[in-house]
N, C-alpha and C. Protein backbone atom coordinates (compact mmCIF):
# COMPACT_ATOMS: atom_id res chain seq x y z
N MET A 1 126.53 63.26 74.95
CA MET A 1 126.83 63.58 76.32
C MET A 1 126.43 65.12 76.56
N PHE A 2 126.75 65.93 75.46
CA PHE A 2 126.42 67.39 75.58
C PHE A 2 124.88 67.49 75.64
N ARG A 3 124.21 66.82 74.91
CA ARG A 3 122.68 66.82 74.85
C ARG A 3 122.24 66.44 76.25
N GLU A 4 122.73 65.48 76.84
CA GLU A 4 122.21 65.12 78.11
C GLU A 4 122.39 66.25 79.26
N PHE A 5 123.68 66.90 79.09
CA PHE A 5 123.97 67.89 79.96
C PHE A 5 123.03 69.10 79.81
N LYS A 6 122.72 69.47 78.55
CA LYS A 6 121.87 70.51 78.18
C LYS A 6 120.51 70.22 78.56
N LEU A 7 119.87 69.16 78.50
CA LEU A 7 118.54 68.71 79.08
C LEU A 7 118.58 68.85 80.48
N LYS A 8 119.64 68.52 81.29
CA LYS A 8 119.59 68.60 82.75
C LYS A 8 119.57 70.17 83.12
N ILE A 9 120.28 70.95 82.46
CA ILE A 9 120.26 72.28 82.72
C ILE A 9 118.90 72.78 82.56
N MET A 10 118.26 72.55 81.45
CA MET A 10 116.88 72.91 81.08
C MET A 10 115.93 72.50 82.05
N GLU A 11 116.02 71.28 82.62
CA GLU A 11 115.12 70.76 83.70
C GLU A 11 115.12 71.44 84.91
N GLU A 12 116.44 71.87 85.22
CA GLU A 12 116.72 72.67 86.57
C GLU A 12 116.06 74.10 86.45
N LYS A 13 116.13 74.72 85.29
CA LYS A 13 115.62 76.13 85.10
C LYS A 13 114.15 76.05 84.80
N ALA A 14 113.42 74.98 84.81
CA ALA A 14 112.11 74.99 84.39
C ALA A 14 111.12 75.56 85.29
N THR A 15 111.41 75.54 86.47
CA THR A 15 110.52 76.15 87.59
C THR A 15 111.32 77.35 88.27
N PRO A 16 110.84 78.51 87.87
CA PRO A 16 111.47 79.72 88.58
C PRO A 16 111.10 79.80 90.09
N PRO A 17 111.92 80.52 90.83
CA PRO A 17 111.51 80.78 92.25
C PRO A 17 110.36 81.53 92.29
N PRO A 18 109.45 81.36 93.18
CA PRO A 18 108.27 82.02 93.50
C PRO A 18 108.59 83.47 93.97
N ILE A 19 107.71 84.31 93.46
CA ILE A 19 107.87 85.86 93.83
C ILE A 19 107.34 86.08 95.20
N PRO A 20 107.88 86.75 96.17
CA PRO A 20 107.53 86.92 97.53
C PRO A 20 106.11 87.50 97.48
N LEU A 21 105.28 87.13 98.40
CA LEU A 21 103.87 87.55 98.37
C LEU A 21 103.89 89.00 98.67
N TYR A 22 104.76 89.61 99.46
CA TYR A 22 104.76 91.10 99.83
C TYR A 22 104.89 91.98 98.49
N LEU A 23 105.80 91.33 97.58
CA LEU A 23 105.90 92.06 96.34
C LEU A 23 104.76 91.95 95.48
N LEU A 24 103.98 90.83 95.43
CA LEU A 24 102.85 90.68 94.68
C LEU A 24 101.61 91.69 95.22
N LEU A 25 101.67 91.75 96.47
CA LEU A 25 100.67 92.64 97.18
C LEU A 25 100.93 94.12 96.81
N ALA A 26 102.23 94.53 96.82
CA ALA A 26 102.65 95.82 96.64
C ALA A 26 102.36 96.13 95.09
N GLY A 27 102.63 95.24 94.34
CA GLY A 27 102.28 95.52 92.87
C GLY A 27 100.92 95.51 92.65
N LEU A 28 100.03 94.75 93.17
CA LEU A 28 98.64 94.78 93.04
C LEU A 28 98.15 96.20 93.46
N PHE A 29 98.36 96.60 94.76
CA PHE A 29 98.07 97.91 95.13
C PHE A 29 98.45 99.06 94.23
N CYS A 30 99.61 98.97 93.77
CA CYS A 30 100.15 100.07 92.80
C CYS A 30 99.33 100.04 91.56
N VAL A 31 99.16 98.84 91.09
CA VAL A 31 98.25 98.72 89.85
C VAL A 31 96.93 99.17 89.99
N LEU A 32 96.34 98.79 91.12
CA LEU A 32 94.96 99.20 91.26
C LEU A 32 94.82 100.74 91.48
N GLY A 33 95.72 101.33 92.21
CA GLY A 33 95.89 102.79 92.46
C GLY A 33 95.95 103.51 91.06
N PHE A 34 96.82 102.97 90.15
CA PHE A 34 96.95 103.58 88.96
C PHE A 34 95.76 103.39 87.96
N ALA A 35 95.00 102.16 88.22
CA ALA A 35 93.77 102.12 87.50
C ALA A 35 92.72 103.03 87.98
N ILE A 36 92.58 103.30 89.12
CA ILE A 36 91.78 104.28 89.63
C ILE A 36 92.00 105.64 89.19
N TRP A 37 93.21 105.97 89.21
CA TRP A 37 93.74 107.36 88.79
C TRP A 37 93.34 107.57 87.33
N SER A 38 93.79 106.54 86.40
CA SER A 38 93.64 106.72 85.01
C SER A 38 92.10 106.61 84.69
N GLY A 39 91.36 105.85 85.42
CA GLY A 39 89.85 105.69 85.21
C GLY A 39 89.25 106.98 85.48
N SER A 40 89.65 107.68 86.58
CA SER A 40 89.04 108.97 86.88
C SER A 40 89.36 110.01 85.84
N LYS A 41 90.63 109.95 85.40
CA LYS A 41 90.95 110.91 84.24
C LYS A 41 90.15 110.68 83.06
N PHE A 42 89.92 109.33 82.80
CA PHE A 42 89.13 108.94 81.58
C PHE A 42 87.75 109.62 81.68
N TYR A 43 87.11 109.50 82.97
CA TYR A 43 85.76 110.04 83.11
C TYR A 43 85.79 111.56 83.20
N LEU A 44 86.78 112.23 83.71
CA LEU A 44 86.80 113.67 83.91
C LEU A 44 87.01 114.32 82.50
N TYR A 45 87.82 113.78 81.66
CA TYR A 45 88.25 114.33 80.45
C TYR A 45 87.49 113.90 79.15
N GLY A 46 86.36 113.32 79.32
CA GLY A 46 85.44 113.07 78.32
C GLY A 46 85.78 111.78 77.57
N GLY A 47 86.41 110.86 78.19
CA GLY A 47 86.68 109.71 77.53
C GLY A 47 87.97 109.61 76.49
N SER A 48 89.02 110.29 77.03
CA SER A 48 90.35 110.22 76.29
C SER A 48 90.78 108.94 76.15
N ILE A 49 91.07 108.39 74.92
CA ILE A 49 91.34 107.01 74.66
C ILE A 49 92.71 106.54 75.35
N LEU A 50 93.56 107.50 75.56
CA LEU A 50 94.84 107.05 76.17
C LEU A 50 94.60 106.71 77.63
N TYR A 51 93.74 107.48 78.48
CA TYR A 51 93.38 107.14 79.71
C TYR A 51 92.60 105.82 79.81
N GLY A 52 91.80 105.61 78.80
CA GLY A 52 90.97 104.46 78.77
C GLY A 52 91.90 103.26 78.58
N ILE A 53 92.83 103.32 77.83
CA ILE A 53 93.73 102.26 77.44
C ILE A 53 94.58 101.92 78.60
N ALA A 54 95.12 102.93 79.33
CA ALA A 54 95.82 102.92 80.48
C ALA A 54 95.11 102.26 81.69
N ALA A 55 93.88 102.57 81.82
CA ALA A 55 93.11 101.95 82.78
C ALA A 55 92.83 100.36 82.47
N GLY A 56 92.48 100.16 81.23
CA GLY A 56 92.35 98.80 80.85
C GLY A 56 93.53 97.93 80.96
N LEU A 57 94.77 98.30 80.76
CA LEU A 57 95.89 97.73 80.87
C LEU A 57 96.23 97.38 82.40
N ALA A 58 95.89 98.57 83.22
CA ALA A 58 96.03 98.40 84.60
C ALA A 58 95.22 97.22 85.31
N ILE A 59 93.93 97.29 84.71
CA ILE A 59 93.02 96.22 85.24
C ILE A 59 93.39 94.87 84.93
N GLY A 60 93.94 94.65 83.72
CA GLY A 60 94.48 93.54 83.19
C GLY A 60 95.75 92.98 84.01
N ALA A 61 96.66 93.97 84.35
CA ALA A 61 97.76 93.66 85.23
C ALA A 61 97.36 93.28 86.73
N GLY A 62 96.35 93.99 87.18
CA GLY A 62 95.76 93.58 88.51
C GLY A 62 95.27 92.27 88.44
N TYR A 63 94.63 91.76 87.47
CA TYR A 63 94.05 90.45 87.43
C TYR A 63 95.17 89.56 87.31
N ALA A 64 96.29 89.81 86.59
CA ALA A 64 97.51 88.89 86.69
C ALA A 64 98.15 88.74 88.05
N PHE A 65 98.10 89.90 88.77
CA PHE A 65 98.61 89.86 90.15
C PHE A 65 97.83 88.99 91.03
N LEU A 66 96.41 89.23 90.96
CA LEU A 66 95.60 88.41 91.67
C LEU A 66 95.73 86.85 91.33
N LYS A 67 95.89 86.54 90.04
CA LYS A 67 96.10 85.10 89.72
C LYS A 67 97.34 84.54 90.28
N GLN A 68 98.39 85.42 90.21
CA GLN A 68 99.72 84.86 91.01
C GLN A 68 99.51 84.59 92.34
N ILE A 69 98.83 85.48 92.99
CA ILE A 69 98.44 85.40 94.45
C ILE A 69 97.74 84.13 94.76
N ASN A 70 96.69 83.90 94.03
CA ASN A 70 95.94 82.75 94.20
C ASN A 70 96.81 81.49 93.95
N ILE A 71 97.69 81.42 92.98
CA ILE A 71 98.45 80.33 92.75
C ILE A 71 99.38 79.99 93.87
N GLN A 72 99.94 81.01 94.40
CA GLN A 72 100.92 80.80 95.45
C GLN A 72 100.11 80.33 96.78
N ARG A 73 98.97 80.95 97.03
CA ARG A 73 98.19 80.46 98.16
C ARG A 73 97.69 79.06 98.01
N SER A 74 97.46 78.61 96.70
CA SER A 74 97.08 77.17 96.62
C SER A 74 98.32 76.24 96.82
N ASN A 75 99.39 76.59 96.27
CA ASN A 75 100.62 75.89 96.41
C ASN A 75 100.92 75.72 97.97
N LYS A 76 100.81 76.85 98.69
CA LYS A 76 101.11 76.72 100.17
C LYS A 76 100.17 75.80 100.94
N GLN A 77 98.90 75.87 100.53
CA GLN A 77 97.98 74.90 101.08
C GLN A 77 98.25 73.43 100.68
N ASP A 78 98.66 73.22 99.47
CA ASP A 78 98.98 71.83 99.06
C ASP A 78 100.18 71.30 99.86
N HIS A 79 101.07 72.11 100.05
CA HIS A 79 102.29 71.77 100.80
C HIS A 79 102.10 71.57 102.33
N SER A 80 101.12 72.30 102.74
CA SER A 80 100.86 72.14 104.15
C SER A 80 100.07 70.87 104.56
N GLN A 81 99.30 70.25 103.65
CA GLN A 81 98.54 69.17 103.95
C GLN A 81 99.26 67.91 103.80
């Protein structure tokens, strides 16, 4: 009985609520702004490795934000059809 209850709880928590689109867009713009800033510092200071790492991580985070936005858009299109 306890095992069935535990599985039921796990099934309910399997899908987290979607993140609002405005938060995803705000995060994307912040991350891209940080990537531009750190990339410019990387260029100006002769390739400081810390600015390069920061720019690379920011670009990766921007890709993750774009992927989440595309997932939400595709889910909305699937539900509207």
